[in-house]
């Protein structure tokens, strides 16, 4: 019996040098400000997305470029109607926006949907679920959807959203929907950058009405009870009455507008046309009494001071002198050896010195 022969295998290729591959890979050239602005003004969604990515970046070089883009686009901004939408989780914001956005497009508008999202700070990423739920809207050529990534603070996220609004306006989007994904302070941030504030609620007032923050109800220009069809129709009717009564005891608005309550169903589209008519009526009245213009001016002034505060805060905590003694001051305050006020005064002296 013959001894088994060893068959030679296929020779192995030489090992790949990853560093060499990386050198060979061509680096995509960065676009200049003029090219991006030109694309934005032409309504190019890719260029708009690239500009927003620069706004969201923390790299100083990207921030310089982003501000140059915003300043160049500034003469082309301010021509949209900005609609804020809030509501507790499960109220159906995404479904409502899908229906409302499609209705607006049918009326001849171009819409952008943005989110103020401080709720995913653990992952530091965007909550993309809303975009996947707005399937038809996200694929329409006259719609642009951009979830905002959560930053280190709500103020930072809100500032980026406001800058994004301006770029969307320059790109020709004349209806901007700003959705609050988180709860709490995000409503205040959104209210400070929109023309009309819509509060979505579920049928069944009672305990839910008690749980809603009074401040959020006071900000609302319209309350819409969503999911008000089918079995919920009667319950929604009662809720509408209860919310209408609640609105009557709220202090009068500076705009002179009387907030209303209505019913709708994002899934079926019921009541969407009524909300649209209310929004148009509001815009007409606020333009006639000059509140629309004054409100925009006050908002711009607010964001000037808000941006100054945020930048000063960043400078303070990045200051080397402050960083070197901050932990010591914190320990002294915890032990009761130093008051928070005295500690703050000493830190500010270091910062300014």
C-alpha atoms as a PDB file:
ATOM      1  CA  UNK A   1       0.000   0.000   0.000  1.00  0.00           C
ATOM      2  CA  UNK A   2       1.362   3.336  -1.065  1.00  0.00           C
ATOM      3  CA  UNK A   3       1.963   5.981   1.603  1.00  0.00           C
ATOM      4  CA  UNK A   4      -0.384   8.971   1.307  1.00  0.00           C
ATOM      5  CA  UNK A   5       1.054  11.917  -0.580  1.00  0.00           C
ATOM      6  CA  UNK A   6       0.921  15.438   0.820  1.00  0.00           C
ATOM      7  CA  UNK A   7      -0.824  17.748  -1.602  1.00  0.00           C
ATOM      8  CA  UNK A   8       0.413  21.305  -1.516  1.00  0.00           C
ATOM      9  CA  UNK A   9      -2.246  23.860  -0.685  1.00  0.00           C
ATOM     10  CA  UNK A  10      -2.779  27.197  -2.349  1.00  0.00           C
ATOM     11  CA  UNK A  11      -0.083  29.640  -1.373  1.00  0.00           C
ATOM     12  CA  UNK A  12      -1.345  32.389   0.910  1.00  0.00           C
ATOM     13  CA  UNK A  13      -1.281  35.953  -0.381  1.00  0.00           C
ATOM     14  CA  UNK A  14       1.041  38.368   1.379  1.00  0.00           C
ATOM     15  CA  UNK A  15      -0.469  40.049   4.427  1.00  0.00           C
ATOM     16  CA  UNK A  16      -2.235  43.324   3.747  1.00  0.00           C
ATOM     17  CA  UNK A  17      -0.577  46.411   5.163  1.00  0.00           C
ATOM     18  CA  UNK A  18      -3.565  48.473   6.334  1.00  0.00           C
ATOM     19  CA  UNK A  19      -1.541  51.635   6.714  1.00  0.00           C
ATOM     20  CA  UNK A  20      -0.511  51.383   3.039  1.00  0.00           C
ATOM     21  CA  UNK A  21      -4.113  50.879   2.001  1.00  0.00           C
ATOM     22  CA  UNK A  22      -5.157  53.948   3.948  1.00  0.00           C
ATOM     23  CA  UNK A  23      -2.490  55.998   2.181  1.00  0.00           C
ATOM     24  CA  UNK A  24      -3.685  54.776  -1.213  1.00  0.00           C
ATOM     25  CA  UNK A  25      -7.318  55.598  -0.439  1.00  0.00           C
ATOM     26  CA  UNK A  26      -8.123  58.980  -1.867  1.00  0.00           C
ATOM     27  CA  UNK A  27      -9.351  61.491   0.656  1.00  0.00           C
ATOM     28  CA  UNK A  28     -12.548  63.192  -0.459  1.00  0.00           C
ATOM     29  CA  UNK A  29     -11.812  66.910  -0.890  1.00  0.00           C
ATOM     30  CA  UNK A  30     -13.724  69.217   1.424  1.00  0.00           C
ATOM     31  CA  UNK A  31     -16.200  71.473  -0.319  1.00  0.00           C
ATOM     32  CA  UNK A  32     -15.697  75.203  -0.031  1.00  0.00           C
ATOM     33  CA  UNK A  33     -18.297  77.609   1.361  1.00  0.00           C
ATOM     34  CA  UNK A  34     -19.265  78.973  -2.056  1.00  0.00           C
ATOM     35  CA  UNK A  35     -20.038  75.501  -3.461  1.00  0.00           C
ATOM     36  CA  UNK A  36     -22.177  74.530  -0.471  1.00  0.00           C
ATOM     37  CA  UNK A  37     -24.086  77.841  -0.465  1.00  0.00           C
ATOM     38  CA  UNK A  38     -24.682  77.592  -4.195  1.00  0.00           C
ATOM     39  CA  UNK A  39     -26.137  74.110  -3.688  1.00  0.00           C
ATOM     40  CA  UNK A  40     -28.342  75.200  -0.781  1.00  0.00           C
ATOM     41  CA  UNK A  41     -29.803  78.118  -2.729  1.00  0.00           C
ATOM     42  CA  UNK A  42     -30.504  75.732  -5.616  1.00  0.00           C
ATOM     43  CA  UNK A  43     -32.462  73.468  -3.254  1.00  0.00           C
ATOM     44  CA  UNK A  44     -29.876  70.661  -3.283  1.00  0.00           C
ATOM     45  CA  UNK A  45     -30.713  68.422  -0.303  1.00  0.00           C
ATOM     46  CA  UNK A  46     -27.245  66.819  -0.315  1.00  0.00           C
ATOM     47  CA  UNK A  47     -25.522  70.203   0.049  1.00  0.00           C
ATOM     48  CA  UNK A  48     -28.061  71.206   2.713  1.00  0.00           C
ATOM     49  CA  UNK A  49     -27.307  68.033   4.658  1.00  0.00           C
ATOM     50  CA  UNK A  50     -23.553  68.668   4.382  1.00  0.00           C
ATOM     51  CA  UNK A  51     -23.995  72.201   5.745  1.00  0.00           C
ATOM     52  CA  UNK A  52     -26.067  70.933   8.683  1.00  0.00           C
ATOM     53  CA  UNK A  53     -23.387  68.336   9.440  1.00  0.00           C
ATOM     54  CA  UNK A  54     -20.884  71.212   9.709  1.00  0.00           C
ATOM     55  CA  UNK A  55     -23.246  73.029  12.092  1.00  0.00           C
ATOM     56  CA  UNK A  56     -23.504  69.911  14.272  1.00  0.00           C
ATOM     57  CA  UNK A  57     -19.739  69.292  14.285  1.00  0.00           C
ATOM     58  CA  UNK A  58     -17.677  70.329  17.311  1.00  0.00           C
ATOM     59  CA  UNK A  59     -14.483  70.830  15.282  1.00  0.00           C
ATOM     60  CA  UNK A  60     -13.472  74.524  15.345  1.00  0.00           C
ATOM     61  CA  UNK A  61     -12.635  74.499  11.606  1.00  0.00           C
ATOM     62  CA  UNK A  62     -16.114  73.126  10.818  1.00  0.00           C
ATOM     63  CA  UNK A  63     -17.753  75.723  13.036  1.00  0.00           C
ATOM     64  CA  UNK A  64     -15.927  78.540  11.225  1.00  0.00           C
ATOM     65  CA  UNK A  65     -17.100  77.182   7.876  1.00  0.00           C
ATOM     66  CA  UNK A  66     -20.658  76.657   9.173  1.00  0.00           C
ATOM     67  CA  UNK A  67     -20.923  80.262  10.371  1.00  0.00           C
ATOM     68  CA  UNK A  68     -19.616  81.509   7.018  1.00  0.00           C
ATOM     69  CA  UNK A  69     -22.327  79.475   5.260  1.00  0.00           C
ATOM     70  CA  UNK A  70     -25.042  80.805   7.574  1.00  0.00           C
ATOM     71  CA  UNK A  71     -23.920  84.419   7.136  1.00  0.00           C
ATOM     72  CA  UNK A  72     -23.869  84.053   3.342  1.00  0.00           C
ATOM     73  CA  UNK A  73     -27.343  82.489   3.362  1.00  0.00           C
ATOM     74  CA  UNK A  74     -28.755  85.090   5.787  1.00  0.00           C
ATOM     75  CA  UNK A  75     -30.349  87.348   3.117  1.00  0.00           C
ATOM     76  CA  UNK A  76     -32.360  84.337   1.897  1.00  0.00           C
ATOM     77  CA  UNK A  77     -33.804  83.381   5.315  1.00  0.00           C
ATOM     78  CA  UNK A  78     -36.929  84.335   7.270  1.00  0.00           C
ATOM     79  CA  UNK A  79     -39.503  83.564   4.582  1.00  0.00           C
ATOM     80  CA  UNK A  80     -40.966  80.410   6.087  1.00  0.00           C
ATOM     81  CA  UNK A  81     -43.705  79.699   8.605  1.00  0.00           C
ATOM     82  CA  UNK A  82     -42.258  77.899  11.623  1.00  0.00           C
ATOM     83  CA  UNK A  83     -44.553  75.461  13.392  1.00  0.00           C
ATOM     84  CA  UNK A  84     -43.604  73.883  16.734  1.00  0.00           C
ATOM     85  CA  UNK A  85     -45.167  70.542  17.645  1.00  0.00           C
ATOM     86  CA  UNK A  86     -45.012  68.948  21.085  1.00  0.00           C
ATOM     87  CA  UNK A  87     -46.752  66.194  22.980  1.00  0.00           C
ATOM     88  CA  UNK A  88     -45.985  63.352  25.354  1.00  0.00           C
ATOM     89  CA  UNK A  89     -44.494  60.074  24.031  1.00  0.00           C
ATOM     90  CA  UNK A  90     -47.163  57.913  22.396  1.00  0.00           C
ATOM     91  CA  UNK A  91     -49.384  60.823  21.412  1.00  0.00           C
ATOM     92  CA  UNK A  92     -48.680  60.173  17.725  1.00  0.00           C
ATOM     93  CA  UNK A  93     -46.433  63.090  16.753  1.00  0.00           C
ATOM     94  CA  UNK A  94     -44.703  61.231  13.930  1.00  0.00           C
ATOM     95  CA  UNK A  95     -47.943  59.975  12.394  1.00  0.00           C
ATOM     96  CA  UNK A  96     -49.450  63.437  12.671  1.00  0.00           C
ATOM     97  CA  UNK A  97     -46.413  65.072  11.033  1.00  0.00           C
ATOM     98  CA  UNK A  98     -46.533  62.497   8.221  1.00  0.00           C
ATOM     99  CA  UNK A  99     -50.182  63.407   7.463  1.00  0.00           C
ATOM    100  CA  UNK A 100     -49.769  67.142   8.035  1.00  0.00           C
ATOM    101  CA  UNK A 101     -46.632  67.287   5.914  1.00  0.00           C
ATOM    102  CA  UNK A 102     -48.255  65.502   2.994  1.00  0.00           C
ATOM    103  CA  UNK A 103     -51.289  67.807   3.262  1.00  0.00           C
ATOM    104  CA  UNK A 104     -49.001  70.870   3.178  1.00  0.00           C
ATOM    105  CA  UNK A 105     -47.164  69.547   0.125  1.00  0.00           C
ATOM    106  CA  UNK A 106     -50.526  69.074  -1.632  1.00  0.00           C
ATOM    107  CA  UNK A 107     -51.157  72.780  -0.952  1.00  0.00           C
ATOM    108  CA  UNK A 108     -47.953  73.585  -2.862  1.00  0.00           C
ATOM    109  CA  UNK A 109     -45.482  73.933   0.013  1.00  0.00           C
ATOM    110  CA  UNK A 110     -41.997  72.585   0.605  1.00  0.00           C
ATOM    111  CA  UNK A 111     -41.545  71.343   4.166  1.00  0.00           C
ATOM    112  CA  UNK A 112     -38.639  70.590   6.462  1.00  0.00           C
ATOM    113  CA  UNK A 113     -39.037  68.534   9.637  1.00  0.00           C
ATOM    114  CA  UNK A 114     -36.486  69.079  12.419  1.00  0.00           C
ATOM    115  CA  UNK A 115     -36.279  67.748  15.948  1.00  0.00           C
ATOM    116  CA  UNK A 116     -35.048  69.225  19.198  1.00  0.00           C
ATOM    117  CA  UNK A 117     -33.753  66.066  20.846  1.00  0.00           C
ATOM    118  CA  UNK A 118     -31.966  66.219  24.205  1.00  0.00           C
ATOM    119  CA  UNK A 119     -33.079  62.701  25.136  1.00  0.00           C
ATOM    120  CA  UNK A 120     -30.310  60.489  23.766  1.00  0.00           C
ATOM    121  CA  UNK A 121     -27.306  61.907  25.586  1.00  0.00           C
ATOM    122  CA  UNK A 122     -26.068  58.451  26.645  1.00  0.00           C
ATOM    123  CA  UNK A 123     -25.373  57.406  23.062  1.00  0.00           C
ATOM    124  CA  UNK A 124     -24.802  60.967  21.787  1.00  0.00           C
ATOM    125  CA  UNK A 125     -26.710  60.009  18.644  1.00  0.00           C
ATOM    126  CA  UNK A 126     -29.936  60.868  16.904  1.00  0.00           C
ATOM    127  CA  UNK A 127     -33.235  59.185  17.527  1.00  0.00           C
ATOM    128  CA  UNK A 128     -33.949  58.022  13.989  1.00  0.00           C
ATOM    129  CA  UNK A 129     -37.222  56.217  14.704  1.00  0.00           C
ATOM    130  CA  UNK A 130     -39.290  59.235  13.670  1.00  0.00           C
ATOM    131  CA  UNK A 131     -37.726  59.282  10.221  1.00  0.00           C
ATOM    132  CA  UNK A 132     -38.488  55.601   9.626  1.00  0.00           C
ATOM    133  CA  UNK A 133     -42.102  56.128  10.700  1.00  0.00           C
ATOM    134  CA  UNK A 134     -42.517  59.024   8.231  1.00  0.00           C
ATOM    135  CA  UNK A 135     -41.947  56.737   5.245  1.00  0.00           C
ATOM    136  CA  UNK A 136     -43.936  58.599   2.575  1.00  0.00           C
ATOM    137  CA  UNK A 137     -42.855  62.040   3.729  1.00  0.00           C
ATOM    138  CA  UNK A 138     -39.162  61.149   3.966  1.00  0.00           C
ATOM    139  CA  UNK A 139     -39.116  59.983   0.327  1.00  0.00           C
ATOM    140  CA  UNK A 140     -40.987  62.986  -1.113  1.00  0.00           C
ATOM    141  CA  UNK A 141     -38.812  65.403  -3.150  1.00  0.00           C
ATOM    142  CA  UNK A 142     -40.495  68.425  -1.506  1.00  0.00           C
ATOM    143  CA  UNK A 143     -39.744  67.265   2.044  1.00  0.00           C
ATOM    144  CA  UNK A 144     -36.566  67.255   4.108  1.00  0.00           C
ATOM    145  CA  UNK A 145     -36.335  65.431   7.452  1.00  0.00           C
ATOM    146  CA  UNK A 146     -33.389  65.894   9.766  1.00  0.00           C
ATOM    147  CA  UNK A 147     -33.273  64.422  13.303  1.00  0.00           C
ATOM    148  CA  UNK A 148     -31.020  66.518  15.532  1.00  0.00           C
ATOM    149  CA  UNK A 149     -28.342  64.692  17.531  1.00  0.00           C
ATOM    150  CA  UNK A 150     -28.308  65.288  21.271  1.00  0.00           C
ATOM    151  CA  UNK A 151     -25.400  67.398  22.449  1.00  0.00           C
ATOM    152  CA  UNK A 152     -24.009  68.054  25.877  1.00  0.00           C
ATOM    153  CA  UNK A 153     -26.842  70.455  26.640  1.00  0.00           C
ATOM    154  CA  UNK A 154     -30.293  71.361  25.428  1.00  0.00           C
ATOM    155  CA  UNK A 155     -29.039  74.871  24.699  1.00  0.00           C
ATOM    156  CA  UNK A 156     -26.486  73.504  22.252  1.00  0.00           C
ATOM    157  CA  UNK A 157     -29.048  71.309  20.486  1.00  0.00           C
ATOM    158  CA  UNK A 158     -31.552  74.157  20.255  1.00  0.00           C
ATOM    159  CA  UNK A 159     -28.961  76.591  18.854  1.00  0.00           C
ATOM    160  CA  UNK A 160     -28.018  74.108  16.142  1.00  0.00           C
ATOM    161  CA  UNK A 161     -31.693  73.579  15.330  1.00  0.00           C
ATOM    162  CA  UNK A 162     -32.248  77.322  14.974  1.00  0.00           C
ATOM    163  CA  UNK A 163     -29.261  77.599  12.627  1.00  0.00           C
ATOM    164  CA  UNK A 164     -30.589  74.616  10.660  1.00  0.00           C
ATOM    165  CA  UNK A 165     -33.953  76.393  10.293  1.00  0.00           C
ATOM    166  CA  UNK A 166     -32.179  79.290   8.593  1.00  0.00           C
ATOM    167  CA  UNK A 167     -30.426  77.013   6.106  1.00  0.00           C
ATOM    168  CA  UNK A 168     -33.690  75.182   5.333  1.00  0.00           C
ATOM    169  CA  UNK A 169     -35.327  78.540   4.599  1.00  0.00           C
ATOM    170  CA  UNK A 170     -32.466  79.480   2.284  1.00  0.00           C
ATOM    171  CA  UNK A 171     -32.998  76.138   0.493  1.00  0.00           C
ATOM    172  CA  UNK A 172     -36.599  77.115  -0.263  1.00  0.00           C
ATOM    173  CA  UNK A 173     -38.514  75.260   2.464  1.00  0.00           C
ATOM    174  CA  UNK A 174     -41.398  77.563   3.346  1.00  0.00           C
ATOM    175  CA  UNK A 175     -42.929  75.459   6.143  1.00  0.00           C
ATOM    176  CA  UNK A 176     -40.618  74.294   8.921  1.00  0.00           C
ATOM    177  CA  UNK A 177     -41.951  71.794  11.473  1.00  0.00           C
ATOM    178  CA  UNK A 178     -39.926  71.619  14.690  1.00  0.00           C
ATOM    179  CA  UNK A 179     -40.766  68.641  16.847  1.00  0.00           C
ATOM    180  CA  UNK A 180     -39.808  68.211  20.494  1.00  0.00           C
ATOM    181  CA  UNK A 181     -38.627  64.668  21.074  1.00  0.00           C
ATOM    182  CA  UNK A 182     -37.735  65.108  24.714  1.00  0.00           C
ATOM    183  CA  UNK A 183     -39.862  66.578  27.482  1.00  0.00           C
ATOM    184  CA  UNK A 184     -39.483  69.500  29.875  1.00  0.00           C
ATOM    185  CA  UNK A 185     -37.260  72.382  28.838  1.00  0.00           C
ATOM    186  CA  UNK A 186     -37.291  71.384  25.159  1.00  0.00           C
ATOM    187  CA  UNK A 187     -40.777  72.897  24.777  1.00  0.00           C
ATOM    188  CA  UNK A 188     -39.477  76.270  25.958  1.00  0.00           C
ATOM    189  CA  UNK A 189     -36.571  76.063  23.511  1.00  0.00           C
ATOM    190  CA  UNK A 190     -38.880  75.227  20.606  1.00  0.00           C
ATOM    191  CA  UNK A 191     -41.366  77.962  21.556  1.00  0.00           C
ATOM    192  CA  UNK A 192     -38.520  80.486  21.323  1.00  0.00           C
ATOM    193  CA  UNK A 193     -37.907  79.697  17.645  1.00  0.00           C
ATOM    194  CA  UNK A 194     -41.383  79.141  16.137  1.00  0.00           C
ATOM    195  CA  UNK A 195     -44.331  81.242  14.987  1.00  0.00           C
ATOM    196  CA  UNK A 196     -47.095  78.832  16.007  1.00  0.00           C
ATOM    197  CA  UNK A 197     -47.064  76.256  18.820  1.00  0.00           C
ATOM    198  CA  UNK A 198     -49.198  73.112  18.557  1.00  0.00           C
ATOM    199  CA  UNK A 199     -49.771  70.835  21.546  1.00  0.00           C
ATOM    200  CA  UNK A 200     -50.916  67.284  20.736  1.00  0.00           C
ATOM    201  CA  UNK A 201     -52.817  65.406  23.437  1.00  0.00           C
ATOM    202  CA  UNK A 202     -54.633  62.087  23.711  1.00  0.00           C
ATOM    203  CA  UNK A 203     -58.389  61.648  24.238  1.00  0.00           C
ATOM    204  CA  UNK A 204     -59.430  61.488  27.870  1.00  0.00           C
ATOM    205  CA  UNK A 205     -58.836  64.644  29.893  1.00  0.00           C
ATOM    206  CA  UNK A 206     -59.244  64.239  33.654  1.00  0.00           C
ATOM    207  CA  UNK A 207     -55.973  63.101  35.190  1.00  0.00           C
ATOM    208  CA  UNK A 208     -53.978  63.847  32.042  1.00  0.00           C
ATOM    209  CA  UNK A 209     -55.046  67.497  32.128  1.00  0.00           C
ATOM    210  CA  UNK A 210     -53.830  67.704  35.719  1.00  0.00           C
ATOM    211  CA  UNK A 211     -50.479  66.181  34.719  1.00  0.00           C
ATOM    212  CA  UNK A 212     -49.746  68.621  31.896  1.00  0.00           C
ATOM    213  CA  UNK A 213     -47.457  71.448  32.900  1.00  0.00           C
ATOM    214  CA  UNK A 214     -49.397  74.682  33.000  1.00  0.00           C
ATOM    215  CA  UNK A 215     -46.530  76.477  31.264  1.00  0.00           C
ATOM    216  CA  UNK A 216     -46.761  74.202  28.226  1.00  0.00           C
ATOM    217  CA  UNK A 217     -50.520  74.759  27.925  1.00  0.00           C
ATOM    218  CA  UNK A 218     -49.951  78.518  28.213  1.00  0.00           C
ATOM    219  CA  UNK A 219     -47.516  78.373  25.288  1.00  0.00           C
ATOM    220  CA  UNK A 220     -49.954  76.509  23.031  1.00  0.00           C
ATOM    221  CA  UNK A 221     -51.684  78.414  20.215  1.00  0.00           C
ATOM    222  CA  UNK A 222     -53.720  75.313  19.422  1.00  0.00           C
ATOM    223  CA  UNK A 223     -54.436  72.084  21.295  1.00  0.00           C
ATOM    224  CA  UNK A 224     -55.241  69.097  19.093  1.00  0.00           C
ATOM    225  CA  UNK A 225     -56.609  65.894  20.570  1.00  0.00           C
ATOM    226  CA  UNK A 226     -55.032  63.246  18.356  1.00  0.00           C
ATOM    227  CA  UNK A 227     -56.241  59.680  17.698  1.00  0.00           C
ATOM    228  CA  UNK A 228     -59.782  61.049  17.924  1.00  0.00           C
ATOM    229  CA  UNK A 229     -61.403  58.596  15.511  1.00  0.00           C
ATOM    230  CA  UNK A 230     -63.159  55.232  15.969  1.00  0.00           C
ATOM    231  CA  UNK A 231     -63.677  54.202  19.587  1.00  0.00           C
ATOM    232  CA  UNK A 232     -61.985  57.378  20.794  1.00  0.00           C
ATOM    233  CA  UNK A 233     -64.400  59.753  19.012  1.00  0.00           C
ATOM    234  CA  UNK A 234     -66.740  60.353  21.965  1.00  0.00           C
ATOM    235  CA  UNK A 235     -63.911  60.526  24.495  1.00  0.00           C
ATOM    236  CA  UNK A 236     -62.110  63.023  22.247  1.00  0.00           C
ATOM    237  CA  UNK A 237     -65.218  65.197  22.044  1.00  0.00           C
ATOM    238  CA  UNK A 238     -65.345  65.411  25.843  1.00  0.00           C
ATOM    239  CA  UNK A 239     -61.604  66.104  25.991  1.00  0.00           C
ATOM    240  CA  UNK A 240     -61.969  68.930  23.518  1.00  0.00           C
ATOM    241  CA  UNK A 241     -64.589  70.560  25.716  1.00  0.00           C
ATOM    242  CA  UNK A 242     -62.425  70.149  28.844  1.00  0.00           C
ATOM    243  CA  UNK A 243     -59.330  71.566  27.170  1.00  0.00           C
ATOM    244  CA  UNK A 244     -61.341  74.477  25.739  1.00  0.00           C
ATOM    245  CA  UNK A 245     -62.508  75.308  29.252  1.00  0.00           C
ATOM    246  CA  UNK A 246     -58.928  75.089  30.528  1.00  0.00           C
ATOM    247  CA  UNK A 247     -57.726  77.492  27.826  1.00  0.00           C
ATOM    248  CA  UNK A 248     -60.329  80.089  28.834  1.00  0.00           C
ATOM    249  CA  UNK A 249     -58.759  80.463  32.292  1.00  0.00           C
ATOM    250  CA  UNK A 250     -55.247  80.965  30.899  1.00  0.00           C
ATOM    251  CA  UNK A 251     -53.825  84.512  30.882  1.00  0.00           C
ATOM    252  CA  UNK A 252     -54.320  86.397  27.582  1.00  0.00           C
ATOM    253  CA  UNK A 253     -51.513  86.109  25.035  1.00  0.00           C
ATOM    254  CA  UNK A 254     -49.395  89.074  23.984  1.00  0.00           C
ATOM    255  CA  UNK A 255     -50.322  88.300  20.395  1.00  0.00           C
ATOM    256  CA  UNK A 256     -54.018  88.836  21.104  1.00  0.00           C
ATOM    257  CA  UNK A 257     -54.705  85.334  19.719  1.00  0.00           C
ATOM    258  CA  UNK A 258     -57.300  83.201  21.501  1.00  0.00           C
ATOM    259  CA  UNK A 259     -56.006  79.593  21.675  1.00  0.00           C
ATOM    260  CA  UNK A 260     -58.395  76.879  20.526  1.00  0.00           C
ATOM    261  CA  UNK A 261     -58.883  73.138  20.985  1.00  0.00           C
ATOM    262  CA  UNK A 262     -59.713  70.748  18.170  1.00  0.00           C
ATOM    263  CA  UNK A 263     -59.675  67.026  17.325  1.00  0.00           C
ATOM    264  CA  UNK A 264     -57.700  65.112  14.700  1.00  0.00           C
ATOM    265  CA  UNK A 265     -56.401  61.693  13.720  1.00  0.00           C
ATOM    266  CA  UNK A 266     -52.963  61.555  12.153  1.00  0.00           C
ATOM    267  CA  UNK A 267     -53.481  58.042  10.811  1.00  0.00           C
ATOM    268  CA  UNK A 268     -56.677  58.764   8.876  1.00  0.00           C
ATOM    269  CA  UNK A 269     -56.054  62.469   8.237  1.00  0.00           C
ATOM    270  CA  UNK A 270     -59.261  63.504   9.993  1.00  0.00           C
ATOM    271  CA  UNK A 271     -59.131  67.128  11.195  1.00  0.00           C
ATOM    272  CA  UNK A 272     -55.850  67.939   9.438  1.00  0.00           C
ATOM    273  CA  UNK A 273     -57.563  70.476   7.174  1.00  0.00           C
ATOM    274  CA  UNK A 274     -59.081  72.265  10.213  1.00  0.00           C
ATOM    275  CA  UNK A 275     -55.654  72.580  11.833  1.00  0.00           C
ATOM    276  CA  UNK A 276     -54.271  73.923   8.557  1.00  0.00           C
ATOM    277  CA  UNK A 277     -57.035  76.552   8.355  1.00  0.00           C
ATOM    278  CA  UNK A 278     -56.404  77.575  11.972  1.00  0.00           C
ATOM    279  CA  UNK A 279     -52.688  77.972  11.262  1.00  0.00           C
ATOM    280  CA  UNK A 280     -53.445  80.120   8.195  1.00  0.00           C
ATOM    281  CA  UNK A 281     -55.905  82.262  10.173  1.00  0.00           C
ATOM    282  CA  UNK A 282     -53.307  82.760  12.892  1.00  0.00           C
ATOM    283  CA  UNK A 283     -50.678  83.799  10.347  1.00  0.00           C
ATOM    284  CA  UNK A 284     -53.090  86.296   8.758  1.00  0.00           C
ATOM    285  CA  UNK A 285     -54.053  87.902  12.081  1.00  0.00           C
ATOM    286  CA  UNK A 286     -50.477  88.037  13.397  1.00  0.00           C
ATOM    287  CA  UNK A 287     -49.254  89.626  10.164  1.00  0.00           C
ATOM    288  CA  UNK A 288     -52.019  92.236  10.253  1.00  0.00           C
ATOM    289  CA  UNK A 289     -51.380  93.257  13.877  1.00  0.00           C
ATOM    290  CA  UNK A 290     -47.567  93.206  13.286  1.00  0.00           C
ATOM    291  CA  UNK A 291     -46.989  90.615  16.051  1.00  0.00           C
ATOM    292  CA  UNK A 292     -45.454  88.168  13.570  1.00  0.00           C
ATOM    293  CA  UNK A 293     -42.598  90.566  12.796  1.00  0.00           C
ATOM    294  CA  UNK A 294     -42.107  91.706  16.407  1.00  0.00           C
ATOM    295  CA  UNK A 295     -42.053  88.118  17.667  1.00  0.00           C
ATOM    296  CA  UNK A 296     -39.354  87.169  15.147  1.00  0.00           C
ATOM    297  CA  UNK A 297     -37.289  90.177  16.230  1.00  0.00           C
ATOM    298  CA  UNK A 298     -37.635  89.295  19.926  1.00  0.00           C
ATOM    299  CA  UNK A 299     -36.650  85.707  19.188  1.00  0.00           C
ATOM    300  CA  UNK A 300     -33.521  86.845  17.340  1.00  0.00           C
ATOM    301  CA  UNK A 301     -32.575  89.024  20.311  1.00  0.00           C
ATOM    302  CA  UNK A 302     -33.223  86.120  22.712  1.00  0.00           C
ATOM    303  CA  UNK A 303     -30.915  83.836  20.729  1.00  0.00           C
ATOM    304  CA  UNK A 304     -28.193  86.475  20.696  1.00  0.00           C
ATOM    305  CA  UNK A 305     -28.111  86.507  24.512  1.00  0.00           C
ATOM    306  CA  UNK A 306     -28.606  82.736  24.746  1.00  0.00           C
ATOM    307  CA  UNK A 307     -25.612  82.151  22.461  1.00  0.00           C
ATOM    308  CA  UNK A 308     -23.452  84.579  24.458  1.00  0.00           C
ATOM    309  CA  UNK A 309     -24.345  82.752  27.688  1.00  0.00           C
ATOM    310  CA  UNK A 310     -23.556  79.332  26.201  1.00  0.00           C
ATOM    311  CA  UNK A 311     -20.223  80.501  24.793  1.00  0.00           C
ATOM    312  CA  UNK A 312     -19.206  82.143  28.066  1.00  0.00           C
ATOM    313  CA  UNK A 313     -20.094  78.939  29.922  1.00  0.00           C
ATOM    314  CA  UNK A 314     -17.938  76.891  27.549  1.00  0.00           C
ATOM    315  CA  UNK A 315     -15.033  79.298  27.921  1.00  0.00           C
ATOM    316  CA  UNK A 316     -15.341  79.183  31.718  1.00  0.00           C
ATOM    317  CA  UNK A 317     -15.204  75.390  32.012  1.00  0.00           C
ATOM    318  CA  UNK A 318     -12.410  75.068  29.430  1.00  0.00           C
ATOM    319  CA  UNK A 319     -10.233  77.612  31.265  1.00  0.00           C
ATOM    320  CA  UNK A 320      -7.114  75.845  32.607  1.00  0.00           C
ATOM    321  CA  UNK A 321      -6.989  77.878  35.846  1.00  0.00           C
ATOM    322  CA  UNK A 322     -10.606  76.983  36.580  1.00  0.00           C
ATOM    323  CA  UNK A 323     -10.137  73.298  35.690  1.00  0.00           C
ATOM    324  CA  UNK A 324      -7.153  73.011  38.045  1.00  0.00           C
ATOM    325  CA  UNK A 325      -9.078  74.075  41.181  1.00  0.00           C
ATOM    326  CA  UNK A 326     -12.709  73.246  40.357  1.00  0.00           C
ATOM    327  CA  UNK A 327     -12.615  69.803  42.026  1.00  0.00           C
ATOM    328  CA  UNK A 328     -11.048  71.279  45.165  1.00  0.00           C
ATOM    329  CA  UNK A 329     -13.778  73.915  45.395  1.00  0.00           C
ATOM    330  CA  UNK A 330     -16.454  71.256  44.921  1.00  0.00           C
ATOM    331  CA  UNK A 331     -14.984  69.130  47.739  1.00  0.00           C
ATOM    332  CA  UNK A 332     -14.781  72.155  50.053  1.00  0.00           C
ATOM    333  CA  UNK A 333     -18.432  73.000  49.338  1.00  0.00           C
ATOM    334  CA  UNK A 334     -19.558  69.399  49.955  1.00  0.00           C
ATOM    335  CA  UNK A 335     -17.697  69.379  53.313  1.00  0.00           C
ATOM    336  CA  UNK A 336     -19.331  72.672  54.280  1.00  0.00           C
ATOM    337  CA  UNK A 337     -15.993  74.494  54.397  1.00  0.00           C
ATOM    338  CA  UNK A 338     -16.967  76.882  51.594  1.00  0.00           C
ATOM    339  CA  UNK A 339     -20.284  78.348  50.455  1.00  0.00           C
ATOM    340  CA  UNK A 340     -21.314  77.788  46.814  1.00  0.00           C
ATOM    341  CA  UNK A 341     -21.551  81.558  46.345  1.00  0.00           C
ATOM    342  CA  UNK A 342     -18.054  82.245  47.676  1.00  0.00           C
ATOM    343  CA  UNK A 343     -16.720  79.332  45.623  1.00  0.00           C
ATOM    344  CA  UNK A 344     -18.289  80.732  42.476  1.00  0.00           C
ATOM    345  CA  UNK A 345     -16.863  84.182  43.225  1.00  0.00           C
ATOM    346  CA  UNK A 346     -13.335  82.757  43.646  1.00  0.00           C
ATOM    347  CA  UNK A 347     -13.628  80.733  40.433  1.00  0.00           C
ATOM    348  CA  UNK A 348     -14.857  83.754  38.496  1.00  0.00           C
ATOM    349  CA  UNK A 349     -11.893  85.781  39.823  1.00  0.00           C
ATOM    350  CA  UNK A 350      -9.566  83.070  38.519  1.00  0.00           C
ATOM    351  CA  UNK A 351     -11.364  83.033  35.175  1.00  0.00           C
ATOM    352  CA  UNK A 352     -11.250  86.796  34.724  1.00  0.00           C
ATOM    353  CA  UNK A 353      -7.735  87.155  36.123  1.00  0.00           C
END
